[in-house]
Amino acid sequence: MHLVNFQVLERDGKPPLPHEGGWKDTAALEFDQSVTVIMRFDGYRGRYLLHCHNLEHEDHDMMARFDVV
């Protein structure tokens, strides 16, 4: 997520790993893993970008944009 930090609530349905406590700007995921995160959009209304830093994914436009109004 760009422009906003988040906290990891769960990793694969279990509590987050010890080093995942606190505010984050990235989460490392292996194949078939998932995280549940929470974030607050209180400083900026507008477009946000979410994407993977895996080069293959970036090369194939695996990104998402959403608007906070």
N, C-alpha and C. Protein backbone atom coordinates (compact mmCIF):
# COMPACT_ATOMS: atom_id res chain seq x y z
N MET A 1 0.85 -1.17 0.00
CA MET A 1 0.00 0.00 0.00
C MET A 1 0.89 1.23 0.00
N HIS A 2 0.60 2.16 -0.87
CA HIS A 2 1.37 3.40 -0.91
C HIS A 2 0.64 4.50 -0.17
N LEU A 3 1.36 5.33 0.53
CA LEU A 3 0.90 6.54 1.22
C LEU A 3 0.19 6.28 2.54
N VAL A 4 0.11 5.04 2.99
CA VAL A 4 -0.52 4.76 4.29
C VAL A 4 0.11 3.51 4.89
N ASN A 5 0.35 3.56 6.20
CA ASN A 5 0.88 2.39 6.91
C ASN A 5 -0.28 1.53 7.40
N PHE A 6 0.04 0.30 7.79
CA PHE A 6 -0.98 -0.63 8.25
C PHE A 6 -0.43 -1.49 9.38
N GLN A 7 -1.33 -2.19 10.04
CA GLN A 7 -0.95 -3.18 11.04
C GLN A 7 -1.45 -4.54 10.58
N VAL A 8 -0.62 -5.56 10.77
CA VAL A 8 -0.99 -6.93 10.42
C VAL A 8 -1.82 -7.49 11.57
N LEU A 9 -3.04 -7.91 11.27
CA LEU A 9 -3.92 -8.51 12.28
C LEU A 9 -3.79 -10.03 12.32
N GLU A 10 -3.66 -10.64 11.16
CA GLU A 10 -3.56 -12.11 11.07
C GLU A 10 -2.64 -12.48 9.92
N ARG A 11 -2.02 -13.63 10.06
CA ARG A 11 -1.26 -14.24 8.96
C ARG A 11 -1.78 -15.65 8.81
N ASP A 12 -2.41 -15.95 7.67
CA ASP A 12 -3.00 -17.26 7.40
C ASP A 12 -3.95 -17.70 8.51
N GLY A 13 -4.75 -16.74 9.01
CA GLY A 13 -5.76 -17.04 10.02
C GLY A 13 -5.22 -17.19 11.43
N LYS A 14 -3.95 -16.93 11.63
CA LYS A 14 -3.30 -17.04 12.96
C LYS A 14 -2.74 -15.68 13.35
N PRO A 15 -2.34 -15.52 14.61
CA PRO A 15 -1.74 -14.24 15.01
C PRO A 15 -0.51 -13.93 14.16
N PRO A 16 -0.21 -12.65 13.97
CA PRO A 16 0.96 -12.28 13.17
C PRO A 16 2.25 -12.74 13.84
N LEU A 17 3.30 -12.82 13.04
CA LEU A 17 4.61 -13.20 13.56
C LEU A 17 5.14 -12.11 14.49
N PRO A 18 6.04 -12.46 15.41
CA PRO A 18 6.53 -11.46 16.37
C PRO A 18 7.08 -10.18 15.72
N HIS A 19 7.78 -10.29 14.63
CA HIS A 19 8.35 -9.11 13.99
C HIS A 19 7.33 -8.31 13.19
N GLU A 20 6.09 -8.76 13.12
CA GLU A 20 5.05 -8.05 12.38
C GLU A 20 4.23 -7.12 13.26
N GLY A 21 4.64 -6.94 14.50
CA GLY A 21 3.96 -6.00 15.38
C GLY A 21 4.25 -4.57 14.98
N GLY A 22 3.37 -3.66 15.29
CA GLY A 22 3.57 -2.25 14.98
C GLY A 22 3.13 -1.90 13.57
N TRP A 23 3.46 -0.67 13.19
CA TRP A 23 3.04 -0.14 11.89
C TRP A 23 4.00 -0.59 10.81
N LYS A 24 3.45 -0.97 9.67
CA LYS A 24 4.22 -1.49 8.54
C LYS A 24 3.88 -0.74 7.26
N ASP A 25 4.78 -0.88 6.27
CA ASP A 25 4.45 -0.37 4.92
C ASP A 25 4.59 -1.47 3.88
N THR A 26 5.05 -2.65 4.29
CA THR A 26 5.10 -3.82 3.41
C THR A 26 4.83 -5.07 4.24
N ALA A 27 4.41 -6.13 3.59
CA ALA A 27 4.25 -7.44 4.21
C ALA A 27 4.80 -8.47 3.24
N ALA A 28 5.71 -9.31 3.72
CA ALA A 28 6.31 -10.35 2.86
C ALA A 28 5.40 -11.58 2.86
N LEU A 29 5.03 -12.03 1.67
CA LEU A 29 4.16 -13.19 1.51
C LEU A 29 4.78 -14.18 0.56
N GLU A 30 4.72 -15.44 0.92
CA GLU A 30 5.13 -16.52 0.03
C GLU A 30 3.89 -16.97 -0.74
N PHE A 31 4.08 -17.87 -1.70
CA PHE A 31 2.98 -18.40 -2.48
C PHE A 31 1.90 -18.96 -1.56
N ASP A 32 0.65 -18.61 -1.81
CA ASP A 32 -0.52 -19.12 -1.10
C ASP A 32 -0.62 -18.65 0.35
N GLN A 33 0.07 -17.58 0.72
CA GLN A 33 -0.09 -17.00 2.05
C GLN A 33 -1.00 -15.78 1.96
N SER A 34 -1.55 -15.42 3.11
CA SER A 34 -2.38 -14.22 3.15
C SER A 34 -2.20 -13.52 4.49
N VAL A 35 -2.44 -12.23 4.49
CA VAL A 35 -2.46 -11.45 5.72
C VAL A 35 -3.73 -10.62 5.75
N THR A 36 -4.22 -10.38 6.93
CA THR A 36 -5.32 -9.47 7.16
C THR A 36 -4.73 -8.23 7.80
N VAL A 37 -5.00 -7.07 7.22
CA VAL A 37 -4.42 -5.83 7.72
C VAL A 37 -5.52 -4.81 8.03
N ILE A 38 -5.15 -3.82 8.82
CA ILE A 38 -6.04 -2.71 9.10
C ILE A 38 -5.26 -1.43 8.87
N MET A 39 -5.92 -0.44 8.27
CA MET A 39 -5.27 0.84 8.01
C MET A 39 -6.27 1.96 8.13
N ARG A 40 -5.75 3.15 8.34
CA ARG A 40 -6.62 4.32 8.50
C ARG A 40 -6.28 5.33 7.41
N PHE A 41 -7.31 5.80 6.74
CA PHE A 41 -7.16 6.80 5.68
C PHE A 41 -7.66 8.14 6.23
N ASP A 42 -6.80 8.83 6.97
CA ASP A 42 -7.25 10.07 7.59
C ASP A 42 -6.47 11.31 7.17
N GLY A 43 -5.44 11.15 6.35
CA GLY A 43 -4.65 12.31 5.99
C GLY A 43 -4.81 12.75 4.55
N TYR A 44 -5.43 11.92 3.74
CA TYR A 44 -5.48 12.23 2.32
C TYR A 44 -6.69 11.57 1.69
N ARG A 45 -7.49 12.35 1.01
CA ARG A 45 -8.59 11.81 0.21
C ARG A 45 -8.14 11.81 -1.23
N GLY A 46 -8.29 10.68 -1.87
CA GLY A 46 -7.87 10.59 -3.26
C GLY A 46 -7.49 9.18 -3.64
N ARG A 47 -6.59 9.04 -4.60
CA ARG A 47 -6.22 7.74 -5.14
C ARG A 47 -5.08 7.11 -4.35
N TYR A 48 -5.21 5.82 -4.12
CA TYR A 48 -4.17 5.02 -3.48
C TYR A 48 -3.82 3.86 -4.40
N LEU A 49 -2.59 3.40 -4.30
CA LEU A 49 -2.10 2.32 -5.14
C LEU A 49 -1.66 1.16 -4.26
N LEU A 50 -2.08 -0.03 -4.64
CA LEU A 50 -1.71 -1.27 -3.96
C LEU A 50 -1.09 -2.17 -5.01
N HIS A 51 0.11 -2.72 -4.72
CA HIS A 51 0.72 -3.62 -5.68
C HIS A 51 1.75 -4.51 -5.02
N CYS A 52 2.15 -5.49 -5.77
CA CYS A 52 3.15 -6.46 -5.34
C CYS A 52 4.51 -6.01 -5.84
N HIS A 53 5.55 -6.21 -5.04
CA HIS A 53 6.90 -5.86 -5.45
C HIS A 53 7.63 -7.01 -6.13
N ASN A 54 6.93 -8.09 -6.43
CA ASN A 54 7.49 -9.16 -7.23
C ASN A 54 7.61 -8.62 -8.66
N LEU A 55 8.82 -8.66 -9.21
CA LEU A 55 9.04 -8.03 -10.52
C LEU A 55 8.14 -8.59 -11.61
N GLU A 56 7.89 -9.89 -11.58
CA GLU A 56 6.99 -10.48 -12.58
C GLU A 56 5.60 -9.89 -12.47
N HIS A 57 5.13 -9.68 -11.27
CA HIS A 57 3.80 -9.10 -11.08
C HIS A 57 3.77 -7.65 -11.54
N GLU A 58 4.82 -6.89 -11.18
CA GLU A 58 4.86 -5.50 -11.62
C GLU A 58 4.89 -5.40 -13.14
N ASP A 59 5.63 -6.30 -13.78
CA ASP A 59 5.73 -6.28 -15.24
C ASP A 59 4.40 -6.58 -15.92
N HIS A 60 3.51 -7.28 -15.25
CA HIS A 60 2.22 -7.64 -15.83
C HIS A 60 1.07 -6.82 -15.25
N ASP A 61 1.42 -5.65 -14.73
CA ASP A 61 0.41 -4.69 -14.25
C ASP A 61 -0.51 -5.26 -13.18
N MET A 62 0.02 -6.10 -12.30
CA MET A 62 -0.80 -6.64 -11.21
C MET A 62 -0.84 -5.62 -10.08
N MET A 63 -1.65 -4.61 -10.29
CA MET A 63 -1.79 -3.52 -9.35
C MET A 63 -3.27 -3.20 -9.19
N ALA A 64 -3.57 -2.49 -8.12
CA ALA A 64 -4.94 -2.06 -7.91
C ALA A 64 -4.92 -0.60 -7.45
N ARG A 65 -5.86 0.17 -7.92
CA ARG A 65 -6.02 1.54 -7.50
C ARG A 65 -7.41 1.69 -6.91
N PHE A 66 -7.50 2.45 -5.82
CA PHE A 66 -8.82 2.73 -5.29
C PHE A 66 -8.86 4.15 -4.79
N ASP A 67 -10.06 4.69 -4.69
CA ASP A 67 -10.25 6.08 -4.30
C ASP A 67 -10.88 6.15 -2.91
N VAL A 68 -10.33 7.03 -2.09
CA VAL A 68 -10.90 7.33 -0.78
C VAL A 68 -11.58 8.69 -0.92
N VAL A 69 -12.87 8.71 -0.63
CA VAL A 69 -13.65 9.95 -0.79
C VAL A 69 -14.10 10.49 0.54
